[in-house]
Amino acid sequence: MKHTILSSLFILALCFNANAQETKNINPAVQGTIYGNKSAKAQMVTAAQFNKTVTNDKPVAMQVKGRVVNVCENKGCWMNVDLENGEQIFVKMKDYGFFVPKDIRGKEVLLTGEAYKQMMSVKELKHFAEDAKKPQSEIDAITQPEMRSRFTAASIKVLD
């Protein structure tokens, strides 16, 4: 019994250590850096075409450019990206297969992956507001779910 508990604790410690190393070794966000699948390809969609192309929860493969306005402060596991038309999309990394550094905020990026619309629950909206270190008053003001444009990124390339 004692051996089983010690073995379990050892494995758990290894998992936490691997996760900590995974998030520390992210390359800085400099022009030309690609996070994720470097060979991911899809058709380019302009910001003006985005809402005509993405109309429901059915994922649409595409590439789209935008500027990162917010990033997860914990791991870099999600971002909010402002498209050139002023719309913001919520970006998560495919299968949590990669993360981005916090210094990607303010950078122009090329996203490759799948876009779709989805209702975000109040709980989810509050969780992401907390991750973004928003003031408590702003978090408390979230009382309604919101339909949001979302993007599952296979790759993210820093353009500037």
N, C-alpha and C. Protein backbone atom coordinates (compact mmCIF):
# COMPACT_ATOMS: atom_id res chain seq x y z
N MET A 1 0.82 -1.19 0.00
CA MET A 1 0.00 0.00 0.00
C MET A 1 0.87 1.26 0.00
N LYS A 2 1.88 1.25 0.90
CA LYS A 2 2.78 2.39 1.00
C LYS A 2 3.52 2.58 -0.33
N HIS A 3 3.93 1.48 -0.95
CA HIS A 3 4.64 1.54 -2.23
C HIS A 3 3.75 2.13 -3.32
N THR A 4 2.49 1.76 -3.33
CA THR A 4 1.54 2.27 -4.32
C THR A 4 1.35 3.77 -4.17
N ILE A 5 1.22 4.24 -2.95
CA ILE A 5 1.05 5.67 -2.71
C ILE A 5 2.29 6.44 -3.13
N LEU A 6 3.46 5.93 -2.77
CA LEU A 6 4.70 6.60 -3.15
C LEU A 6 4.88 6.62 -4.67
N SER A 7 4.55 5.52 -5.32
CA SER A 7 4.64 5.46 -6.78
C SER A 7 3.69 6.47 -7.42
N SER A 8 2.49 6.56 -6.89
CA SER A 8 1.50 7.51 -7.41
C SER A 8 1.99 8.95 -7.24
N LEU A 9 2.54 9.26 -6.08
CA LEU A 9 3.06 10.61 -5.85
C LEU A 9 4.23 10.92 -6.78
N PHE A 10 5.09 9.95 -7.02
CA PHE A 10 6.22 10.15 -7.93
C PHE A 10 5.73 10.45 -9.34
N ILE A 11 4.76 9.68 -9.82
CA ILE A 11 4.21 9.90 -11.16
C ILE A 11 3.54 11.26 -11.25
N LEU A 12 2.81 11.63 -10.23
CA LEU A 12 2.15 12.93 -10.20
C LEU A 12 3.18 14.06 -10.25
N ALA A 13 4.26 13.92 -9.50
CA ALA A 13 5.33 14.92 -9.51
C ALA A 13 5.96 15.04 -10.89
N LEU A 14 6.15 13.92 -11.57
CA LEU A 14 6.70 13.95 -12.92
C LEU A 14 5.77 14.69 -13.87
N CYS A 15 4.48 14.47 -13.74
CA CYS A 15 3.50 15.15 -14.60
C CYS A 15 3.56 16.65 -14.40
N PHE A 16 3.60 17.10 -13.14
CA PHE A 16 3.66 18.53 -12.87
C PHE A 16 4.96 19.12 -13.38
N ASN A 17 6.06 18.41 -13.23
CA ASN A 17 7.35 18.88 -13.71
C ASN A 17 7.35 19.00 -15.23
N ALA A 18 6.80 18.01 -15.93
CA ALA A 18 6.74 18.05 -17.39
C ALA A 18 5.91 19.23 -17.85
N ASN A 19 4.79 19.49 -17.17
CA ASN A 19 3.93 20.61 -17.54
C ASN A 19 4.65 21.94 -17.32
N ALA A 20 5.38 22.08 -16.22
CA ALA A 20 6.10 23.31 -15.94
C ALA A 20 7.17 23.55 -16.99
N GLN A 21 7.89 22.50 -17.39
CA GLN A 21 8.92 22.66 -18.41
C GLN A 21 8.30 23.01 -19.75
N GLU A 22 7.16 22.42 -20.06
CA GLU A 22 6.49 22.67 -21.33
C GLU A 22 6.16 24.15 -21.50
N THR A 23 5.69 24.82 -20.44
CA THR A 23 5.30 26.21 -20.56
C THR A 23 6.49 27.16 -20.45
N LYS A 24 7.61 26.73 -19.86
CA LYS A 24 8.77 27.60 -19.74
C LYS A 24 9.56 27.69 -21.04
N ASN A 25 9.53 26.66 -21.86
CA ASN A 25 10.37 26.59 -23.04
C ASN A 25 9.71 27.14 -24.30
N ILE A 26 8.84 28.11 -24.17
CA ILE A 26 8.18 28.71 -25.32
C ILE A 26 9.09 29.80 -25.88
N ASN A 27 9.35 29.74 -27.18
CA ASN A 27 10.18 30.76 -27.82
C ASN A 27 9.51 32.12 -27.74
N PRO A 28 10.29 33.21 -27.61
CA PRO A 28 9.69 34.55 -27.58
C PRO A 28 8.99 34.85 -28.91
N ALA A 29 8.03 35.77 -28.85
CA ALA A 29 7.24 36.12 -30.04
C ALA A 29 7.99 37.13 -30.89
N VAL A 30 8.82 36.63 -31.79
CA VAL A 30 9.54 37.49 -32.72
C VAL A 30 9.08 37.18 -34.14
N GLN A 31 9.23 38.15 -35.01
CA GLN A 31 8.78 38.01 -36.39
C GLN A 31 9.29 36.71 -37.01
N GLY A 32 8.36 35.97 -37.63
CA GLY A 32 8.69 34.72 -38.30
C GLY A 32 8.55 33.47 -37.45
N THR A 33 8.41 33.63 -36.13
CA THR A 33 8.25 32.46 -35.26
C THR A 33 6.90 31.80 -35.53
N ILE A 34 6.92 30.47 -35.63
CA ILE A 34 5.69 29.71 -35.84
C ILE A 34 5.50 28.79 -34.64
N TYR A 35 4.31 28.86 -34.06
CA TYR A 35 3.93 27.98 -32.96
C TYR A 35 2.96 26.96 -33.51
N GLY A 36 3.11 25.71 -33.12
CA GLY A 36 2.21 24.66 -33.59
C GLY A 36 2.75 23.97 -34.83
N ASN A 37 1.84 23.51 -35.67
CA ASN A 37 2.16 22.73 -36.87
C ASN A 37 2.70 23.65 -37.96
N LYS A 38 3.99 23.58 -38.21
CA LYS A 38 4.64 24.47 -39.18
C LYS A 38 4.20 24.22 -40.62
N SER A 39 3.61 23.06 -40.90
CA SER A 39 3.19 22.76 -42.27
C SER A 39 1.68 22.91 -42.47
N ALA A 40 0.97 23.45 -41.49
CA ALA A 40 -0.49 23.64 -41.61
C ALA A 40 -0.80 24.61 -42.74
N LYS A 41 -1.77 24.26 -43.57
CA LYS A 41 -2.16 25.09 -44.71
C LYS A 41 -3.68 25.23 -44.73
N ALA A 42 -4.15 26.35 -45.25
CA ALA A 42 -5.58 26.58 -45.46
C ALA A 42 -5.72 27.82 -46.34
N GLN A 43 -6.91 28.02 -46.87
CA GLN A 43 -7.17 29.17 -47.73
C GLN A 43 -7.23 30.45 -46.89
N MET A 44 -6.61 31.52 -47.40
CA MET A 44 -6.60 32.81 -46.71
C MET A 44 -7.99 33.45 -46.81
N VAL A 45 -8.47 33.96 -45.70
CA VAL A 45 -9.75 34.67 -45.65
C VAL A 45 -9.46 36.05 -45.07
N THR A 46 -9.97 37.10 -45.72
CA THR A 46 -9.77 38.45 -45.20
C THR A 46 -10.72 38.68 -44.03
N ALA A 47 -10.44 39.71 -43.26
CA ALA A 47 -11.32 40.05 -42.14
C ALA A 47 -12.72 40.37 -42.65
N ALA A 48 -12.82 41.02 -43.81
CA ALA A 48 -14.13 41.36 -44.38
C ALA A 48 -14.91 40.10 -44.76
N GLN A 49 -14.22 39.05 -45.18
CA GLN A 49 -14.88 37.80 -45.58
C GLN A 49 -15.20 36.90 -44.39
N PHE A 50 -14.59 37.16 -43.26
CA PHE A 50 -14.68 36.25 -42.11
C PHE A 50 -16.13 35.95 -41.73
N ASN A 51 -16.95 36.98 -41.49
CA ASN A 51 -18.33 36.75 -41.03
C ASN A 51 -19.22 36.15 -42.11
N LYS A 52 -18.87 36.34 -43.37
CA LYS A 52 -19.63 35.70 -44.45
C LYS A 52 -19.29 34.22 -44.54
N THR A 53 -18.07 33.88 -44.16
CA THR A 53 -17.58 32.51 -44.24
C THR A 53 -17.96 31.70 -43.00
N VAL A 54 -17.89 32.34 -41.85
CA VAL A 54 -18.16 31.65 -40.57
C VAL A 54 -19.54 32.10 -40.08
N THR A 55 -20.52 31.22 -40.24
CA THR A 55 -21.90 31.62 -39.90
C THR A 55 -22.52 30.79 -38.78
N ASN A 56 -21.92 29.65 -38.44
CA ASN A 56 -22.52 28.80 -37.41
C ASN A 56 -21.43 27.98 -36.71
N ASP A 57 -21.86 26.92 -36.03
CA ASP A 57 -20.90 26.12 -35.27
C ASP A 57 -20.16 25.08 -36.10
N LYS A 58 -20.36 25.08 -37.42
CA LYS A 58 -19.63 24.15 -38.29
C LYS A 58 -18.25 24.75 -38.58
N PRO A 59 -17.16 24.08 -38.16
CA PRO A 59 -15.81 24.62 -38.37
C PRO A 59 -15.46 24.79 -39.85
N VAL A 60 -14.81 25.92 -40.15
CA VAL A 60 -14.37 26.23 -41.51
C VAL A 60 -12.86 26.41 -41.48
N ALA A 61 -12.14 25.60 -42.29
CA ALA A 61 -10.68 25.70 -42.36
C ALA A 61 -10.31 27.00 -43.06
N MET A 62 -9.33 27.72 -42.48
CA MET A 62 -8.92 29.00 -43.06
C MET A 62 -7.63 29.50 -42.44
N GLN A 63 -7.10 30.55 -43.08
CA GLN A 63 -6.05 31.37 -42.50
C GLN A 63 -6.63 32.77 -42.39
N VAL A 64 -6.32 33.47 -41.32
CA VAL A 64 -6.78 34.84 -41.14
C VAL A 64 -5.73 35.60 -40.33
N LYS A 65 -5.57 36.90 -40.65
CA LYS A 65 -4.61 37.75 -39.93
C LYS A 65 -5.34 38.56 -38.88
N GLY A 66 -4.61 38.89 -37.83
CA GLY A 66 -5.15 39.77 -36.79
C GLY A 66 -4.08 40.16 -35.80
N ARG A 67 -4.47 41.01 -34.86
CA ARG A 67 -3.53 41.48 -33.84
C ARG A 67 -3.98 40.94 -32.48
N VAL A 68 -3.03 40.38 -31.75
CA VAL A 68 -3.32 39.79 -30.44
C VAL A 68 -3.58 40.92 -29.44
N VAL A 69 -4.77 40.88 -28.81
CA VAL A 69 -5.11 41.91 -27.82
C VAL A 69 -5.06 41.38 -26.39
N ASN A 70 -5.13 40.06 -26.25
CA ASN A 70 -5.07 39.47 -24.91
C ASN A 70 -4.57 38.04 -25.02
N VAL A 71 -3.92 37.58 -23.98
CA VAL A 71 -3.39 36.21 -23.96
C VAL A 71 -3.52 35.66 -22.54
N CYS A 72 -3.71 34.37 -22.42
CA CYS A 72 -3.80 33.73 -21.11
C CYS A 72 -2.52 34.01 -20.33
N GLU A 73 -2.68 34.58 -19.14
CA GLU A 73 -1.53 34.92 -18.31
C GLU A 73 -0.93 33.70 -17.61
N ASN A 74 -1.67 32.60 -17.57
CA ASN A 74 -1.17 31.41 -16.87
C ASN A 74 -0.23 30.59 -17.74
N LYS A 75 -0.70 30.18 -18.92
CA LYS A 75 0.08 29.28 -19.77
C LYS A 75 0.26 29.76 -21.20
N GLY A 76 -0.50 30.74 -21.63
CA GLY A 76 -0.50 31.11 -23.05
C GLY A 76 -1.34 30.13 -23.85
N CYS A 77 -2.39 29.60 -23.22
CA CYS A 77 -3.20 28.56 -23.88
C CYS A 77 -4.37 29.11 -24.67
N TRP A 78 -4.61 30.41 -24.64
CA TRP A 78 -5.65 31.03 -25.46
C TRP A 78 -5.28 32.49 -25.71
N MET A 79 -5.92 33.08 -26.72
CA MET A 79 -5.70 34.49 -27.06
C MET A 79 -7.01 35.09 -27.55
N ASN A 80 -7.12 36.41 -27.46
CA ASN A 80 -8.14 37.16 -28.18
C ASN A 80 -7.41 37.90 -29.28
N VAL A 81 -7.91 37.76 -30.50
CA VAL A 81 -7.27 38.38 -31.65
C VAL A 81 -8.26 39.31 -32.32
N ASP A 82 -7.82 40.55 -32.56
CA ASP A 82 -8.64 41.56 -33.21
C ASP A 82 -8.38 41.47 -34.71
N LEU A 83 -9.44 41.17 -35.47
CA LEU A 83 -9.31 41.13 -36.92
C LEU A 83 -9.27 42.55 -37.46
N GLU A 84 -8.87 42.72 -38.70
CA GLU A 84 -8.73 44.05 -39.28
C GLU A 84 -10.07 44.77 -39.40
N ASN A 85 -11.20 44.04 -39.25
CA ASN A 85 -12.52 44.67 -39.31
C ASN A 85 -13.03 45.07 -37.93
N GLY A 86 -12.22 44.91 -36.89
CA GLY A 86 -12.59 45.29 -35.54
C GLY A 86 -13.22 44.17 -34.73
N GLU A 87 -13.56 43.06 -35.36
CA GLU A 87 -14.14 41.93 -34.63
C GLU A 87 -13.04 41.19 -33.88
N GLN A 88 -13.36 40.73 -32.69
CA GLN A 88 -12.42 39.91 -31.93
C GLN A 88 -12.83 38.45 -32.01
N ILE A 89 -11.82 37.58 -32.17
CA ILE A 89 -12.07 36.15 -32.14
C ILE A 89 -11.29 35.55 -30.97
N PHE A 90 -11.88 34.52 -30.40
CA PHE A 90 -11.27 33.81 -29.28
C PHE A 90 -10.52 32.61 -29.85
N VAL A 91 -9.23 32.51 -29.58
CA VAL A 91 -8.36 31.49 -30.18
C VAL A 91 -7.85 30.54 -29.11
N LYS A 92 -8.05 29.25 -29.35
CA LYS A 92 -7.45 28.19 -28.52
C LYS A 92 -6.55 27.36 -29.43
N MET A 93 -5.57 26.69 -28.84
CA MET A 93 -4.65 25.88 -29.61
C MET A 93 -5.20 24.46 -29.74
N LYS A 94 -5.06 23.91 -30.93
CA LYS A 94 -5.60 22.59 -31.23
C LYS A 94 -5.06 21.55 -30.25
N ASP A 95 -5.97 20.85 -29.60
CA ASP A 95 -5.63 19.77 -28.65
C ASP A 95 -4.65 20.22 -27.57
N TYR A 96 -4.59 21.52 -27.27
CA TYR A 96 -3.61 22.06 -26.32
C TYR A 96 -2.21 21.56 -26.67
N GLY A 97 -1.96 21.42 -27.98
CA GLY A 97 -0.69 20.88 -28.45
C GLY A 97 0.47 21.85 -28.37
N PHE A 98 0.17 23.13 -28.18
CA PHE A 98 1.22 24.14 -28.05
C PHE A 98 0.64 25.34 -27.33
N PHE A 99 1.53 26.20 -26.86
CA PHE A 99 1.14 27.43 -26.18
C PHE A 99 1.91 28.58 -26.81
N VAL A 100 1.51 29.81 -26.49
CA VAL A 100 2.21 30.99 -26.99
C VAL A 100 2.74 31.78 -25.80
N PRO A 101 3.79 32.58 -26.01
CA PRO A 101 4.32 33.37 -24.89
C PRO A 101 3.43 34.59 -24.62
N LYS A 102 3.53 35.10 -23.41
CA LYS A 102 2.73 36.28 -23.05
C LYS A 102 3.15 37.51 -23.84
N ASP A 103 4.40 37.55 -24.33
CA ASP A 103 4.86 38.73 -25.07
C ASP A 103 4.31 38.78 -26.50
N ILE A 104 3.39 37.87 -26.83
CA ILE A 104 2.76 37.91 -28.15
C ILE A 104 1.67 39.00 -28.21
N ARG A 105 1.26 39.48 -27.05
CA ARG A 105 0.25 40.55 -26.99
C ARG A 105 0.74 41.75 -27.80
N GLY A 106 -0.12 42.28 -28.68
CA GLY A 106 0.23 43.42 -29.50
C GLY A 106 0.82 43.06 -30.85
N LYS A 107 1.15 41.79 -31.06
CA LYS A 107 1.77 41.34 -32.31
C LYS A 107 0.71 40.99 -33.35
N GLU A 108 1.05 41.24 -34.62
CA GLU A 108 0.19 40.77 -35.71
C GLU A 108 0.54 39.31 -35.97
N VAL A 109 -0.49 38.48 -36.13
CA VAL A 109 -0.28 37.04 -36.32
C VAL A 109 -1.11 36.54 -37.50
N LEU A 110 -0.66 35.42 -38.04
CA LEU A 110 -1.40 34.68 -39.07
C LEU A 110 -1.85 33.38 -38.42
N LEU A 111 -3.16 33.22 -38.31
CA LEU A 111 -3.74 32.02 -37.71
C LEU A 111 -4.09 31.03 -38.80
N THR A 112 -3.76 29.77 -38.61
CA THR A 112 -4.16 28.70 -39.52
C THR A 112 -4.90 27.67 -38.68
N GLY A 113 -6.12 27.34 -39.12
CA GLY A 113 -6.91 26.38 -38.36
C GLY A 113 -8.36 26.41 -38.77
N GLU A 114 -9.26 26.31 -37.79
CA GLU A 114 -10.70 26.25 -38.06
C GLU A 114 -11.44 27.29 -37.24
N ALA A 115 -12.31 28.04 -37.92
CA ALA A 115 -13.13 29.05 -37.27
C ALA A 115 -14.58 28.58 -37.19
N TYR A 116 -15.27 29.03 -36.16
CA TYR A 116 -16.68 28.68 -35.98
C TYR A 116 -17.29 29.66 -34.98
N LYS A 117 -18.61 29.68 -34.90
CA LYS A 117 -19.33 30.49 -33.91
C LYS A 117 -19.81 29.56 -32.80
N GLN A 118 -19.79 30.05 -31.57
CA GLN A 118 -20.25 29.22 -30.46
C GLN A 118 -20.71 30.12 -29.31
N MET A 119 -21.77 29.68 -28.65
CA MET A 119 -22.25 30.38 -27.46
C MET A 119 -21.30 30.07 -26.31
N MET A 120 -20.79 31.12 -25.67
CA MET A 120 -19.92 30.95 -24.51
C MET A 120 -20.75 31.20 -23.25
N SER A 121 -20.69 30.27 -22.33
CA SER A 121 -21.46 30.37 -21.09
C SER A 121 -20.89 31.46 -20.19
N VAL A 122 -21.70 31.90 -19.24
CA VAL A 122 -21.26 32.89 -18.25
C VAL A 122 -20.05 32.34 -17.49
N LYS A 123 -20.11 31.08 -17.11
CA LYS A 123 -19.00 30.45 -16.37
C LYS A 123 -17.70 30.51 -17.18
N GLU A 124 -17.79 30.17 -18.47
CA GLU A 124 -16.60 30.18 -19.33
C GLU A 124 -16.09 31.61 -19.51
N LEU A 125 -16.99 32.56 -19.75
CA LEU A 125 -16.59 33.96 -19.92
C LEU A 125 -15.88 34.48 -18.67
N LYS A 126 -16.42 34.14 -17.50
CA LYS A 126 -15.79 34.58 -16.25
C LYS A 126 -14.43 33.93 -16.05
N HIS A 127 -14.32 32.65 -16.42
CA HIS A 127 -13.05 31.94 -16.29
C HIS A 127 -11.96 32.62 -17.13
N PHE A 128 -12.30 32.95 -18.38
CA PHE A 128 -11.30 33.58 -19.25
C PHE A 128 -11.00 35.00 -18.81
N ALA A 129 -11.98 35.70 -18.24
CA ALA A 129 -11.73 37.04 -17.70
C ALA A 129 -10.76 36.95 -16.52
N GLU A 130 -10.93 35.93 -15.69
CA GLU A 130 -10.01 35.73 -14.56
C GLU A 130 -8.60 35.41 -15.06
N ASP A 131 -8.51 34.52 -16.08
CA ASP A 131 -7.20 34.19 -16.67
C ASP A 131 -6.50 35.43 -17.21
N ALA A 132 -7.30 36.36 -17.75
CA ALA A 132 -6.75 37.58 -18.35
C ALA A 132 -6.46 38.65 -17.29
N LYS A 133 -6.67 38.30 -16.01
CA LYS A 133 -6.40 39.21 -14.89
C LYS A 133 -7.25 40.48 -14.98
N LYS A 134 -8.50 40.33 -15.42
CA LYS A 134 -9.44 41.46 -15.48
C LYS A 134 -9.82 41.86 -14.05
N PRO A 135 -10.21 43.13 -13.85
CA PRO A 135 -10.64 43.55 -12.52
C PRO A 135 -11.90 42.79 -12.08
N GLN A 136 -12.05 42.58 -10.80
CA GLN A 136 -13.19 41.83 -10.28
C GLN A 136 -14.51 42.46 -10.69
N SER A 137 -14.56 43.78 -10.76
CA SER A 137 -15.80 44.47 -11.16
C SER A 137 -16.20 44.08 -12.59
N GLU A 138 -15.22 43.92 -13.46
CA GLU A 138 -15.49 43.51 -14.84
C GLU A 138 -15.96 42.05 -14.89
N ILE A 139 -15.36 41.21 -14.08
CA ILE A 139 -15.76 39.80 -14.01
C ILE A 139 -17.19 39.68 -13.48
N ASP A 140 -17.50 40.44 -12.43
CA ASP A 140 -18.84 40.41 -11.84
C ASP A 140 -19.91 40.92 -12.80
N ALA A 141 -19.52 41.78 -13.74
CA ALA A 141 -20.48 42.35 -14.69
C ALA A 141 -20.90 41.34 -15.77
N ILE A 142 -20.21 40.21 -15.86
CA ILE A 142 -20.56 39.18 -16.84
C ILE A 142 -21.75 38.40 -16.30
N THR A 143 -22.91 38.58 -16.94
CA THR A 143 -24.14 37.94 -16.45
C THR A 143 -24.90 37.21 -17.54
N GLN A 144 -24.48 37.35 -18.80
CA GLN A 144 -25.19 36.74 -19.91
C GLN A 144 -24.22 35.96 -20.79
N PRO A 145 -24.65 34.81 -21.33
CA PRO A 145 -23.81 34.11 -22.30
C PRO A 145 -23.68 34.96 -23.57
N GLU A 146 -22.65 34.72 -24.36
CA GLU A 146 -22.42 35.49 -25.58
C GLU A 146 -22.08 34.57 -26.74
N MET A 147 -22.62 34.89 -27.91
CA MET A 147 -22.23 34.21 -29.14
C MET A 147 -20.90 34.81 -29.56
N ARG A 148 -19.90 33.97 -29.74
CA ARG A 148 -18.56 34.45 -30.08
C ARG A 148 -18.00 33.70 -31.28
N SER A 149 -17.17 34.42 -32.02
CA SER A 149 -16.37 33.77 -33.06
C SER A 149 -15.19 33.13 -32.36
N ARG A 150 -14.96 31.86 -32.69
CA ARG A 150 -13.87 31.11 -32.07
C ARG A 150 -12.98 30.53 -33.16
N PHE A 151 -11.76 30.20 -32.77
CA PHE A 151 -10.79 29.68 -33.72
C PHE A 151 -9.95 28.63 -33.01
N THR A 152 -9.85 27.46 -33.62
CA THR A 152 -8.95 26.43 -33.12
C THR A 152 -7.71 26.46 -34.01
N ALA A 153 -6.61 26.94 -33.46
CA ALA A 153 -5.40 27.16 -34.25
C ALA A 153 -4.55 25.90 -34.33
N ALA A 154 -4.21 25.51 -35.56
CA ALA A 154 -3.23 24.45 -35.78
C ALA A 154 -1.83 25.06 -35.76
N SER A 155 -1.75 26.34 -36.21
CA SER A 155 -0.49 27.06 -36.15
C SER A 155 -0.75 28.56 -36.03
N ILE A 156 0.24 29.24 -35.45
CA ILE A 156 0.19 30.69 -35.29
C ILE A 156 1.56 31.21 -35.69
N LYS A 157 1.58 32.10 -36.68
CA LYS A 157 2.85 32.69 -37.14
C LYS A 157 2.87 34.16 -36.76
N VAL A 158 3.97 34.60 -36.15
CA VAL A 158 4.13 36.00 -35.78
C VAL A 158 4.58 36.77 -37.02
N LEU A 159 3.81 37.81 -37.39
CA LEU A 159 4.12 38.59 -38.59
C LEU A 159 4.92 39.85 -38.29
N ASP A 160 4.78 40.43 -37.11
CA ASP A 160 5.59 41.61 -36.75
C ASP A 160 6.00 41.58 -35.30
